[in-house]
Amino acid sequence: MLREESIKKIDEFLKYLGGVISVYDLYPVGHPVIRAKAEKAYVALRDIFKEMRDVNLILVGEDMVFENVILEASSSLTKLIRGLSSCGIE
């Protein structure tokens, strides 16, 4: 997989993962909204692993790093990083 394609797929997965985290506190476990967002994240991650053996994401302060590239800060990525930090993942 080309590096740009990899980064695009990782960005998409992180966007979906952030969506799961953002609705998790709003709905009870098993709610269709949570399930739908989790399914999108799962499919995106599954597609990544179809083409890559290893995926290393590193959280450095407010930056997410993939293959030595700092991912472009977007509102969804910022929300994801804050969500991970609130869960104790730093």
Protein backbone atom coordinates (compact mmCIF):
# COMPACT_ATOMS: atom_id res chain seq x y z
CA MET A 1 0.00 0.00 0.00
CA LEU A 2 1.30 3.45 -0.86
CA ARG A 3 2.22 5.70 2.04
CA GLU A 4 -0.43 8.33 1.15
CA GLU A 5 -3.09 5.64 0.92
CA SER A 6 -2.01 4.24 4.29
CA ILE A 7 -2.23 7.65 5.92
CA LYS A 8 -5.66 8.25 4.38
CA LYS A 9 -6.94 4.89 5.68
CA ILE A 10 -5.50 5.54 9.15
CA ASP A 11 -7.12 8.99 9.19
CA GLU A 12 -10.45 7.44 8.26
CA PHE A 13 -10.17 4.80 11.00
CA LEU A 14 -9.25 7.42 13.60
CA LYS A 15 -12.21 9.56 12.55
CA TYR A 16 -14.56 6.60 13.05
CA LEU A 17 -12.95 5.65 16.36
CA GLY A 18 -13.38 9.23 17.56
CA GLY A 19 -17.04 8.98 16.57
CA VAL A 20 -17.46 5.91 18.76
CA ILE A 21 -15.84 7.65 21.71
CA SER A 22 -17.93 10.79 21.23
CA VAL A 23 -21.28 8.96 21.41
CA TYR A 24 -20.30 6.38 24.02
CA ASP A 25 -21.33 8.62 26.93
CA LEU A 26 -24.55 9.67 25.22
CA TYR A 27 -26.16 6.26 24.69
CA PRO A 28 -26.46 3.03 26.68
CA VAL A 29 -24.23 0.10 25.78
CA GLY A 30 -25.63 -1.77 22.79
CA HIS A 31 -27.50 1.21 21.37
CA PRO A 32 -27.73 1.12 17.55
CA VAL A 33 -25.87 4.44 17.19
CA ILE A 34 -22.86 3.10 19.09
CA ARG A 35 -23.02 -0.18 17.24
CA ALA A 36 -23.15 1.54 13.81
CA LYS A 37 -20.19 3.79 14.60
CA ALA A 38 -18.19 0.89 16.03
CA GLU A 39 -18.91 -1.16 12.91
CA LYS A 40 -17.52 1.63 10.69
CA ALA A 41 -14.35 1.78 12.80
CA TYR A 42 -14.01 -2.00 12.70
CA VAL A 43 -14.42 -2.17 8.91
CA ALA A 44 -11.86 0.61 8.41
CA LEU A 45 -9.36 -1.14 10.68
CA ARG A 46 -10.00 -4.51 9.04
CA ASP A 47 -9.29 -2.96 5.65
CA ILE A 48 -6.00 -1.56 6.95
CA PHE A 49 -4.89 -4.97 8.23
CA LYS A 50 -5.73 -6.57 4.91
CA GLU A 51 -2.86 -4.59 3.41
CA MET A 52 -0.52 -3.98 6.33
CA ARG A 53 0.94 -6.46 8.76
CA ASP A 54 1.76 -3.96 11.51
CA VAL A 55 0.18 -0.65 12.42
CA ASN A 56 1.95 1.61 14.89
CA LEU A 57 0.22 4.74 16.10
CA ILE A 58 2.02 6.87 18.63
CA LEU A 59 0.40 9.58 20.70
CA VAL A 60 2.92 12.32 21.50
CA GLY A 61 1.30 15.09 23.50
CA GLU A 62 -1.36 16.53 21.18
CA ASP A 63 -0.01 14.79 18.06
CA MET A 64 -0.76 11.38 16.57
CA VAL A 65 2.16 9.87 14.65
CA PHE A 66 1.92 7.12 12.02
CA GLU A 67 4.99 5.82 10.17
CA ASN A 68 7.07 8.79 11.39
CA VAL A 69 4.50 11.24 9.98
CA ILE A 70 2.55 13.57 12.25
CA LEU A 71 -1.05 13.24 11.16
CA GLU A 72 -2.77 16.43 10.14
CA ALA A 73 -4.71 17.88 13.05
CA SER A 74 -8.43 17.82 12.35
CA SER A 75 -11.32 18.43 14.70
CA SER A 76 -12.12 14.70 14.75
CA LEU A 77 -8.49 13.79 15.53
CA THR A 78 -8.33 16.41 18.28
CA LYS A 79 -11.54 15.02 19.81
CA LEU A 80 -10.13 11.50 19.61
CA ILE A 81 -6.90 12.51 21.35
CA ARG A 82 -8.85 14.26 24.09
CA GLY A 83 -11.11 11.22 24.44
CA LEU A 84 -8.11 8.90 24.73
CA SER A 85 -6.51 11.22 27.29
CA SER A 86 -9.71 11.28 29.35
CA CYS A 87 -9.53 7.45 29.44
CA GLY A 88 -5.96 7.65 30.75
CA ILE A 89 -4.29 6.86 27.40
CA GLU A 90 -1.42 9.24 26.80
